Structure formats: structure tokens, C-alpha cells
């Protein structure tokens, strides 16, 4: 999910408690899981709403192993297991 292009209704955000501020790397991923479990699949809009710029200085790029570990814990939290 390209985070800059997401729109979330305030009522939905509040219903799931927003982002988990205890997470450092995968708070958006955790949010997508909570929204999906509560409201179902997100709607897809086939137009460009935003772009995602990748560069070497991002947290995802500089802390890749921490990002993967946290994302895997989010999957376990919401899915029960980590599918391989």
C-alpha cells in the first residue's frame, strides 16, 4: 500500500484506534491489517493520487532487518501465524 496515496475515514481510524505508536517500522502495515479485519478489503482507485519516492535514507532501507522483524510480528499478531 502506497502510504501517501491512502485515504482513511476518520470514523474508521477511530474505530480501530489509529496507528500503534509502539511500532517503529510497521505501524502503517498494522493499521492496514486492523482496517481490513474490521471493514474488509480496501477500495481501489485506478487513478494516480500520489507517488512514492524511494531513496537510500529511508527507515525501510537503512533498517531493513528491523523492518522485516516488525512486519512479521504484525502478521503473526493479526493472522495468527506467519505463512511461508
PDB file of N, CA and C in Angstrom:
ATOM      1  N   UNK A   1       0.859  -1.170   0.000  1.00  0.00           N
ATOM      2  CA  UNK A   1       0.000   0.000   0.000  1.00  0.00           C
ATOM      3  C   UNK A   1       0.901   1.227   0.000  1.00  0.00           C
ATOM      4  N   UNK A   2       0.717   2.080  -0.978  1.00  0.00           N
ATOM      5  CA  UNK A   2       1.486   3.319  -1.019  1.00  0.00           C
ATOM      6  C   UNK A   2       0.887   4.291  -0.009  1.00  0.00           C
ATOM      7  N   UNK A   3       1.556   4.438   1.099  1.00  0.00           N
ATOM      8  CA  UNK A   3       1.014   5.219   2.212  1.00  0.00           C
ATOM      9  C   UNK A   3       0.594   6.635   1.824  1.00  0.00           C
ATOM     10  N   UNK A   4       1.359   7.375   0.989  1.00  0.00           N
ATOM     11  CA  UNK A   4       0.934   8.740   0.663  1.00  0.00           C
ATOM     12  C   UNK A   4      -0.380   8.809  -0.115  1.00  0.00           C
ATOM     13  N   UNK A   5      -0.786   7.698  -0.721  1.00  0.00           N
ATOM     14  CA  UNK A   5      -1.996   7.700  -1.543  1.00  0.00           C
ATOM     15  C   UNK A   5      -3.198   7.105  -0.828  1.00  0.00           C
ATOM     16  N   UNK A   6      -3.095   6.884   0.458  1.00  0.00           N
ATOM     17  CA  UNK A   6      -4.220   6.290   1.175  1.00  0.00           C
ATOM     18  C   UNK A   6      -5.087   7.359   1.820  1.00  0.00           C
ATOM     19  N   UNK A   7      -6.352   7.105   1.775  1.00  0.00           N
ATOM     20  CA  UNK A   7      -7.326   7.967   2.435  1.00  0.00           C
ATOM     21  C   UNK A   7      -8.140   7.079   3.358  1.00  0.00           C
ATOM     22  N   UNK A   8      -8.232   7.470   4.615  1.00  0.00           N
ATOM     23  CA  UNK A   8      -8.950   6.684   5.614  1.00  0.00           C
ATOM     24  C   UNK A   8      -9.966   7.607   6.280  1.00  0.00           C
ATOM     25  N   UNK A   9     -11.184   7.158   6.331  1.00  0.00           N
ATOM     26  CA  UNK A   9     -12.207   7.943   7.026  1.00  0.00           C
ATOM     27  C   UNK A   9     -11.848   8.064   8.501  1.00  0.00           C
ATOM     28  N   UNK A  10     -12.097   9.218   9.047  1.00  0.00           N
ATOM     29  CA  UNK A  10     -11.805   9.447  10.461  1.00  0.00           C
ATOM     30  C   UNK A  10     -12.544   8.449  11.346  1.00  0.00           C
ATOM     31  N   UNK A  11     -13.791   8.133  10.999  1.00  0.00           N
ATOM     32  CA  UNK A  11     -14.556   7.186  11.806  1.00  0.00           C
ATOM     33  C   UNK A  11     -13.906   5.802  11.790  1.00  0.00           C
ATOM     34  N   UNK A  12     -13.348   5.413  10.646  1.00  0.00           N
ATOM     35  CA  UNK A  12     -12.656   4.119  10.550  1.00  0.00           C
ATOM     36  C   UNK A  12     -11.373   4.153  11.364  1.00  0.00           C
ATOM     37  N   UNK A  13     -10.619   5.239  11.235  1.00  0.00           N
ATOM     38  CA  UNK A  13      -9.375   5.417  12.002  1.00  0.00           C
ATOM     39  C   UNK A  13      -9.661   5.289  13.495  1.00  0.00           C
ATOM     40  N   UNK A  14     -10.671   5.994  13.944  1.00  0.00           N
ATOM     41  CA  UNK A  14     -11.012   5.973  15.368  1.00  0.00           C
ATOM     42  C   UNK A  14     -11.544   4.613  15.804  1.00  0.00           C
ATOM     43  N   UNK A  15     -12.272   3.940  14.927  1.00  0.00           N
ATOM     44  CA  UNK A  15     -12.836   2.633  15.265  1.00  0.00           C
ATOM     45  C   UNK A  15     -11.758   1.591  15.536  1.00  0.00           C
ATOM     46  N   UNK A  16     -10.608   1.710  14.848  1.00  0.00           N
ATOM     47  CA  UNK A  16      -9.527   0.737  15.043  1.00  0.00           C
ATOM     48  C   UNK A  16      -8.421   1.267  15.944  1.00  0.00           C
ATOM     49  N   UNK A  17      -8.580   2.477  16.432  1.00  0.00           N
ATOM     50  CA  UNK A  17      -7.599   3.031  17.360  1.00  0.00           C
ATOM     51  C   UNK A  17      -6.389   3.657  16.706  1.00  0.00           C
ATOM     52  N   UNK A  18      -6.465   3.952  15.411  1.00  0.00           N
ATOM     53  CA  UNK A  18      -5.336   4.587  14.721  1.00  0.00           C
ATOM     54  C   UNK A  18      -4.124   3.692  14.645  1.00  0.00           C
ATOM     55  N   UNK A  19      -2.952   4.306  14.564  1.00  0.00           N
ATOM     56  CA  UNK A  19      -1.711   3.532  14.484  1.00  0.00           C
ATOM     57  C   UNK A  19      -1.226   3.168  15.881  1.00  0.00           C
ATOM     58  N   UNK A  20      -0.490   2.087  15.958  1.00  0.00           N
ATOM     59  CA  UNK A  20       0.122   1.648  17.204  1.00  0.00           C
ATOM     60  C   UNK A  20       1.465   2.361  17.310  1.00  0.00           C
ATOM     61  N   UNK A  21       1.538   3.352  18.174  1.00  0.00           N
ATOM     62  CA  UNK A  21       2.750   4.163  18.298  1.00  0.00           C
ATOM     63  C   UNK A  21       3.913   3.410  18.935  1.00  0.00           C
ATOM     64  N   UNK A  22       3.669   2.206  19.438  1.00  0.00           N
ATOM     65  CA  UNK A  22       4.752   1.378  19.969  1.00  0.00           C
ATOM     66  C   UNK A  22       5.581   0.767  18.839  1.00  0.00           C
ATOM     67  N   UNK A  23       5.028   0.746  17.640  1.00  0.00           N
ATOM     68  CA  UNK A  23       5.747   0.218  16.483  1.00  0.00           C
ATOM     69  C   UNK A  23       6.585   1.327  15.861  1.00  0.00           C
ATOM     70  N   UNK A  24       7.781   0.971  15.417  1.00  0.00           N
ATOM     71  CA  UNK A  24       8.677   1.964  14.818  1.00  0.00           C
ATOM     72  C   UNK A  24       8.752   1.841  13.305  1.00  0.00           C
ATOM     73  N   UNK A  25       8.524   0.642  12.783  1.00  0.00           N
ATOM     74  CA  UNK A  25       8.763   0.393  11.365  1.00  0.00           C
ATOM     75  C   UNK A  25       7.509  -0.015  10.586  1.00  0.00           C
ATOM     76  N   UNK A  26       6.566  -0.654  11.226  1.00  0.00           N
ATOM     77  CA  UNK A  26       5.433  -1.238  10.509  1.00  0.00           C
ATOM     78  C   UNK A  26       4.095  -0.748  11.037  1.00  0.00           C
ATOM     79  N   UNK A  27       4.063   0.475  11.538  1.00  0.00           N
ATOM     80  CA  UNK A  27       2.802   0.983  12.096  1.00  0.00           C
ATOM     81  C   UNK A  27       1.732   1.110  11.029  1.00  0.00           C
ATOM     82  N   UNK A  28       2.118   1.464   9.806  1.00  0.00           N
ATOM     83  CA  UNK A  28       1.121   1.551   8.734  1.00  0.00           C
ATOM     84  C   UNK A  28       0.615   0.162   8.356  1.00  0.00           C
ATOM     85  N   UNK A  29       1.505  -0.804   8.315  1.00  0.00           N
ATOM     86  CA  UNK A  29       1.127  -2.175   7.983  1.00  0.00           C
ATOM     87  C   UNK A  29       0.130  -2.714   9.015  1.00  0.00           C
ATOM     88  N   UNK A  30       0.397  -2.441  10.284  1.00  0.00           N
ATOM     89  CA  UNK A  30      -0.512  -2.837  11.354  1.00  0.00           C
ATOM     90  C   UNK A  30      -1.875  -2.166  11.165  1.00  0.00           C
ATOM     91  N   UNK A  31      -1.862  -0.886  10.798  1.00  0.00           N
ATOM     92  CA  UNK A  31      -3.117  -0.163  10.551  1.00  0.00           C
ATOM     93  C   UNK A  31      -3.909  -0.816   9.420  1.00  0.00           C
ATOM     94  N   UNK A  32      -3.227  -1.186   8.318  1.00  0.00           N
ATOM     95  CA  UNK A  32      -3.944  -1.816   7.184  1.00  0.00           C
ATOM     96  C   UNK A  32      -4.610  -3.108   7.644  1.00  0.00           C
ATOM     97  N   UNK A  33      -3.893  -3.905   8.461  1.00  0.00           N
ATOM     98  CA  UNK A  33      -4.473  -5.150   8.972  1.00  0.00           C
ATOM     99  C   UNK A  33      -5.713  -4.862   9.816  1.00  0.00           C
ATOM    100  N   UNK A  34      -5.628  -3.892  10.719  1.00  0.00           N
ATOM    101  CA  UNK A  34      -6.767  -3.581  11.592  1.00  0.00           C
ATOM    102  C   UNK A  34      -7.965  -3.114  10.773  1.00  0.00           C
ATOM    103  N   UNK A  35      -7.714  -2.257   9.789  1.00  0.00           N
ATOM    104  CA  UNK A  35      -8.808  -1.775   8.942  1.00  0.00           C
ATOM    105  C   UNK A  35      -9.417  -2.914   8.129  1.00  0.00           C
ATOM    106  N   UNK A  36      -8.563  -3.781   7.573  1.00  0.00           N
ATOM    107  CA  UNK A  36      -9.054  -4.915   6.785  1.00  0.00           C
ATOM    108  C   UNK A  36      -9.917  -5.844   7.638  1.00  0.00           C
ATOM    109  N   UNK A  37      -9.439  -6.165   8.839  1.00  0.00           N
ATOM    110  CA  UNK A  37     -10.185  -7.080   9.704  1.00  0.00           C
ATOM    111  C   UNK A  37     -11.519  -6.488  10.137  1.00  0.00           C
ATOM    112  N   UNK A  38     -11.568  -5.190  10.297  1.00  0.00           N
ATOM    113  CA  UNK A  38     -12.804  -4.542  10.770  1.00  0.00           C
ATOM    114  C   UNK A  38     -13.771  -4.222   9.628  1.00  0.00           C
ATOM    115  N   UNK A  39     -13.226  -3.776   8.481  1.00  0.00           N
ATOM    116  CA  UNK A  39     -14.085  -3.261   7.415  1.00  0.00           C
ATOM    117  C   UNK A  39     -13.987  -4.005   6.088  1.00  0.00           C
ATOM    118  N   UNK A  40     -13.075  -4.967   5.974  1.00  0.00           N
ATOM    119  CA  UNK A  40     -12.923  -5.690   4.719  1.00  0.00           C
ATOM    120  C   UNK A  40     -11.889  -5.054   3.808  1.00  0.00           C
ATOM    121  N   UNK A  41     -11.837  -5.558   2.606  1.00  0.00           N
ATOM    122  CA  UNK A  41     -10.821  -5.120   1.637  1.00  0.00           C
ATOM    123  C   UNK A  41     -10.972  -3.637   1.307  1.00  0.00           C
ATOM    124  N   UNK A  42      -9.860  -2.959   1.120  1.00  0.00           N
ATOM    125  CA  UNK A  42      -9.940  -1.539   0.762  1.00  0.00           C
ATOM    126  C   UNK A  42     -10.432  -1.361  -0.675  1.00  0.00           C
ATOM    127  N   UNK A  43     -10.929  -0.193  -0.967  1.00  0.00           N
ATOM    128  CA  UNK A  43     -11.354   0.127  -2.337  1.00  0.00           C
ATOM    129  C   UNK A  43     -10.135   0.522  -3.152  1.00  0.00           C
ATOM    130  N   UNK A  44     -10.123   0.159  -4.391  1.00  0.00           N
ATOM    131  CA  UNK A  44      -9.031   0.512  -5.297  1.00  0.00           C
ATOM    132  C   UNK A  44      -9.496   1.637  -6.210  1.00  0.00           C
ATOM    133  N   UNK A  45      -8.707   2.673  -6.296  1.00  0.00           N
ATOM    134  CA  UNK A  45      -8.997   3.801  -7.187  1.00  0.00           C
ATOM    135  C   UNK A  45      -7.958   3.740  -8.302  1.00  0.00           C
ATOM    136  N   UNK A  46      -8.383   3.560  -9.549  1.00  0.00           N
ATOM    137  CA  UNK A  46      -7.432   3.340 -10.643  1.00  0.00           C
ATOM    138  C   UNK A  46      -6.734   4.603 -11.172  1.00  0.00           C
ATOM    139  N   UNK A  47      -6.800   5.707 -10.461  1.00  0.00           N
ATOM    140  CA  UNK A  47      -6.089   6.908 -10.881  1.00  0.00           C
ATOM    141  C   UNK A  47      -4.891   7.137  -9.980  1.00  0.00           C
ATOM    142  N   UNK A  48      -3.911   7.861 -10.496  1.00  0.00           N
ATOM    143  CA  UNK A  48      -2.766   8.236  -9.670  1.00  0.00           C
ATOM    144  C   UNK A  48      -3.187   9.321  -8.691  1.00  0.00           C
ATOM    145  N   UNK A  49      -2.958   9.075  -7.417  1.00  0.00           N
ATOM    146  CA  UNK A  49      -3.277  10.046  -6.372  1.00  0.00           C
ATOM    147  C   UNK A  49      -2.008  10.624  -5.751  1.00  0.00           C
ATOM    148  N   UNK A  50      -0.953   9.836  -5.780  1.00  0.00           N
ATOM    149  CA  UNK A  50       0.315  10.255  -5.191  1.00  0.00           C
ATOM    150  C   UNK A  50       1.409   9.354  -5.742  1.00  0.00           C
ATOM    151  N   UNK A  51       2.628   9.732  -5.496  1.00  0.00           N
ATOM    152  CA  UNK A  51       3.760   8.892  -5.872  1.00  0.00           C
ATOM    153  C   UNK A  51       4.561   8.569  -4.625  1.00  0.00           C
ATOM    154  N   UNK A  52       5.315   7.508  -4.697  1.00  0.00           N
ATOM    155  CA  UNK A  52       6.142   7.078  -3.588  1.00  0.00           C
ATOM    156  C   UNK A  52       7.593   7.156  -4.037  1.00  0.00           C
ATOM    157  N   UNK A  53       8.370   7.988  -3.389  1.00  0.00           N
ATOM    158  CA  UNK A  53       9.773   8.151  -3.751  1.00  0.00           C
ATOM    159  C   UNK A  53      10.619   7.235  -2.883  1.00  0.00           C
ATOM    160  N   UNK A  54      11.480   6.475  -3.507  1.00  0.00           N
ATOM    161  CA  UNK A  54      12.374   5.603  -2.760  1.00  0.00           C
ATOM    162  C   UNK A  54      13.777   6.194  -2.783  1.00  0.00           C
ATOM    163  N   UNK A  55      14.419   6.196  -1.631  1.00  0.00           N
ATOM    164  CA  UNK A  55      15.811   6.634  -1.568  1.00  0.00           C
ATOM    165  C   UNK A  55      16.521   5.901  -0.441  1.00  0.00           C
ATOM    166  N   UNK A  56      17.822   5.942  -0.444  1.00  0.00           N
ATOM    167  CA  UNK A  56      18.628   5.153   0.486  1.00  0.00           C
ATOM    168  C   UNK A  56      18.507   5.564   1.945  1.00  0.00           C
ATOM    169  N   UNK A  57      17.996   6.752   2.224  1.00  0.00           N
ATOM    170  CA  UNK A  57      17.942   7.238   3.595  1.00  0.00           C
ATOM    171  C   UNK A  57      16.689   6.881   4.371  1.00  0.00           C
ATOM    172  N   UNK A  58      15.756   6.157   3.766  1.00  0.00           N
ATOM    173  CA  UNK A  58      14.517   5.819   4.465  1.00  0.00           C
ATOM    174  C   UNK A  58      14.764   4.806   5.583  1.00  0.00           C
ATOM    175  N   UNK A  59      13.860   4.784   6.551  1.00  0.00           N
ATOM    176  CA  UNK A  59      13.955   3.781   7.618  1.00  0.00           C
ATOM    177  C   UNK A  59      13.887   2.375   7.032  1.00  0.00           C
ATOM    178  N   UNK A  60      13.028   2.195   6.042  1.00  0.00           N
ATOM    179  CA  UNK A  60      12.879   0.872   5.444  1.00  0.00           C
ATOM    180  C   UNK A  60      14.187   0.415   4.802  1.00  0.00           C
ATOM    181  N   UNK A  61      14.903   1.335   4.174  1.00  0.00           N
ATOM    182  CA  UNK A  61      16.162   0.976   3.510  1.00  0.00           C
ATOM    183  C   UNK A  61      17.311   0.825   4.501  1.00  0.00           C
ATOM    184  N   UNK A  62      17.377   1.687   5.502  1.00  0.00           N
ATOM    185  CA  UNK A  62      18.524   1.668   6.417  1.00  0.00           C
ATOM    186  C   UNK A  62      18.370   0.666   7.557  1.00  0.00           C
ATOM    187  N   UNK A  63      17.142   0.245   7.829  1.00  0.00           N
ATOM    188  CA  UNK A  63      16.895  -0.698   8.923  1.00  0.00           C
ATOM    189  C   UNK A  63      16.056  -1.863   8.433  1.00  0.00           C
ATOM    190  N   UNK A  64      16.479  -2.434   7.310  1.00  0.00           N
ATOM    191  CA  UNK A  64      15.714  -3.479   6.631  1.00  0.00           C
ATOM    192  C   UNK A  64      15.395  -4.655   7.545  1.00  0.00           C
ATOM    193  N   UNK A  65      16.369  -5.164   8.300  1.00  0.00           N
ATOM    194  CA  UNK A  65      16.094  -6.350   9.132  1.00  0.00           C
ATOM    195  C   UNK A  65      15.106  -6.017  10.257  1.00  0.00           C
ATOM    196  N   UNK A  66      15.219  -4.833  10.841  1.00  0.00           N
ATOM    197  CA  UNK A  66      14.254  -4.423  11.863  1.00  0.00           C
ATOM    198  C   UNK A  66      12.857  -4.300  11.258  1.00  0.00           C
ATOM    199  N   UNK A  67      12.791  -3.757  10.057  1.00  0.00           N
ATOM    200  CA  UNK A  67      11.510  -3.625   9.362  1.00  0.00           C
ATOM    201  C   UNK A  67      10.874  -4.992   9.135  1.00  0.00           C
ATOM    202  N   UNK A  68      11.649  -5.953   8.637  1.00  0.00           N
ATOM    203  CA  UNK A  68      11.112  -7.294   8.394  1.00  0.00           C
ATOM    204  C   UNK A  68      10.655  -7.952   9.692  1.00  0.00           C
ATOM    205  N   UNK A  69      11.467  -7.843  10.745  1.00  0.00           N
ATOM    206  CA  UNK A  69      11.085  -8.466  12.022  1.00  0.00           C
ATOM    207  C   UNK A  69       9.779  -7.878  12.546  1.00  0.00           C
ATOM    208  N   UNK A  70       9.654  -6.556  12.482  1.00  0.00           N
ATOM    209  CA  UNK A  70       8.438  -5.930  12.990  1.00  0.00           C
ATOM    210  C   UNK A  70       7.238  -6.275  12.107  1.00  0.00           C
ATOM    211  N   UNK A  71       7.422  -6.288  10.798  1.00  0.00           N
ATOM    212  CA  UNK A  71       6.326  -6.639   9.890  1.00  0.00           C
ATOM    213  C   UNK A  71       5.881  -8.082  10.123  1.00  0.00           C
ATOM    214  N   UNK A  72       6.840  -8.985  10.343  1.00  0.00           N
ATOM    215  CA  UNK A  72       6.472 -10.380  10.611  1.00  0.00           C
ATOM    216  C   UNK A  72       5.711 -10.501  11.922  1.00  0.00           C
ATOM    217  N   UNK A  73       6.067  -9.713  12.927  1.00  0.00           N
ATOM    218  CA  UNK A  73       5.326  -9.773  14.192  1.00  0.00           C
ATOM    219  C   UNK A  73       3.911  -9.231  14.016  1.00  0.00           C
ATOM    220  N   UNK A  74       3.734  -8.251  13.142  1.00  0.00           N
ATOM    221  CA  UNK A  74       2.398  -7.723  12.844  1.00  0.00           C
ATOM    222  C   UNK A  74       1.550  -8.801  12.169  1.00  0.00           C
ATOM    223  N   UNK A  75       2.135  -9.537  11.238  1.00  0.00           N
ATOM    224  CA  UNK A  75       1.397 -10.616  10.567  1.00  0.00           C
ATOM    225  C   UNK A  75       0.983 -11.672  11.588  1.00  0.00           C
ATOM    226  N   UNK A  76       1.899 -12.080  12.447  1.00  0.00           N
ATOM    227  CA  UNK A  76       1.562 -13.069  13.485  1.00  0.00           C
ATOM    228  C   UNK A  76       0.445 -12.559  14.390  1.00  0.00           C
ATOM    229  N   UNK A  77       0.507 -11.285  14.750  1.00  0.00           N
ATOM    230  CA  UNK A  77      -0.496 -10.681  15.623  1.00  0.00           C
ATOM    231  C   UNK A  77      -1.887 -10.752  15.007  1.00  0.00           C
ATOM    232  N   UNK A  78      -1.980 -10.452  13.736  1.00  0.00           N
ATOM    233  CA  UNK A  78      -3.297 -10.368  13.088  1.00  0.00           C
ATOM    234  C   UNK A  78      -3.727 -11.653  12.386  1.00  0.00           C
ATOM    235  N   UNK A  79      -2.777 -12.459  11.957  1.00  0.00           N
ATOM    236  CA  UNK A  79      -3.111 -13.661  11.176  1.00  0.00           C
ATOM    237  C   UNK A  79      -2.928 -14.937  11.985  1.00  0.00           C
ATOM    238  N   UNK A  80      -2.230 -14.832  13.115  1.00  0.00           N
ATOM    239  CA  UNK A  80      -2.031 -15.999  13.964  1.00  0.00           C
ATOM    240  C   UNK A  80      -0.762 -16.764  13.667  1.00  0.00           C
ATOM    241  N   UNK A  81      -0.364 -16.803  12.426  1.00  0.00           N
ATOM    242  CA  UNK A  81       0.855 -17.496  12.000  1.00  0.00           C
ATOM    243  C   UNK A  81       1.518 -16.648  10.930  1.00  0.00           C
ATOM    244  N   UNK A  82       2.751 -17.014  10.641  1.00  0.00           N
ATOM    245  CA  UNK A  82       3.477 -16.365   9.564  1.00  0.00           C
ATOM    246  C   UNK A  82       3.538 -17.330   8.393  1.00  0.00           C
ATOM    247  N   UNK A  83       2.694 -17.132   7.369  1.00  0.00           N
ATOM    248  CA  UNK A  83       2.726 -18.047   6.231  1.00  0.00           C
ATOM    249  C   UNK A  83       4.063 -17.965   5.514  1.00  0.00           C
ATOM    250  N   UNK A  84       4.572 -19.095   5.105  1.00  0.00           N
ATOM    251  CA  UNK A  84       5.855 -19.119   4.397  1.00  0.00           C
ATOM    252  C   UNK A  84       5.621 -19.392   2.931  1.00  0.00           C
TER     253      UNK A  84
END
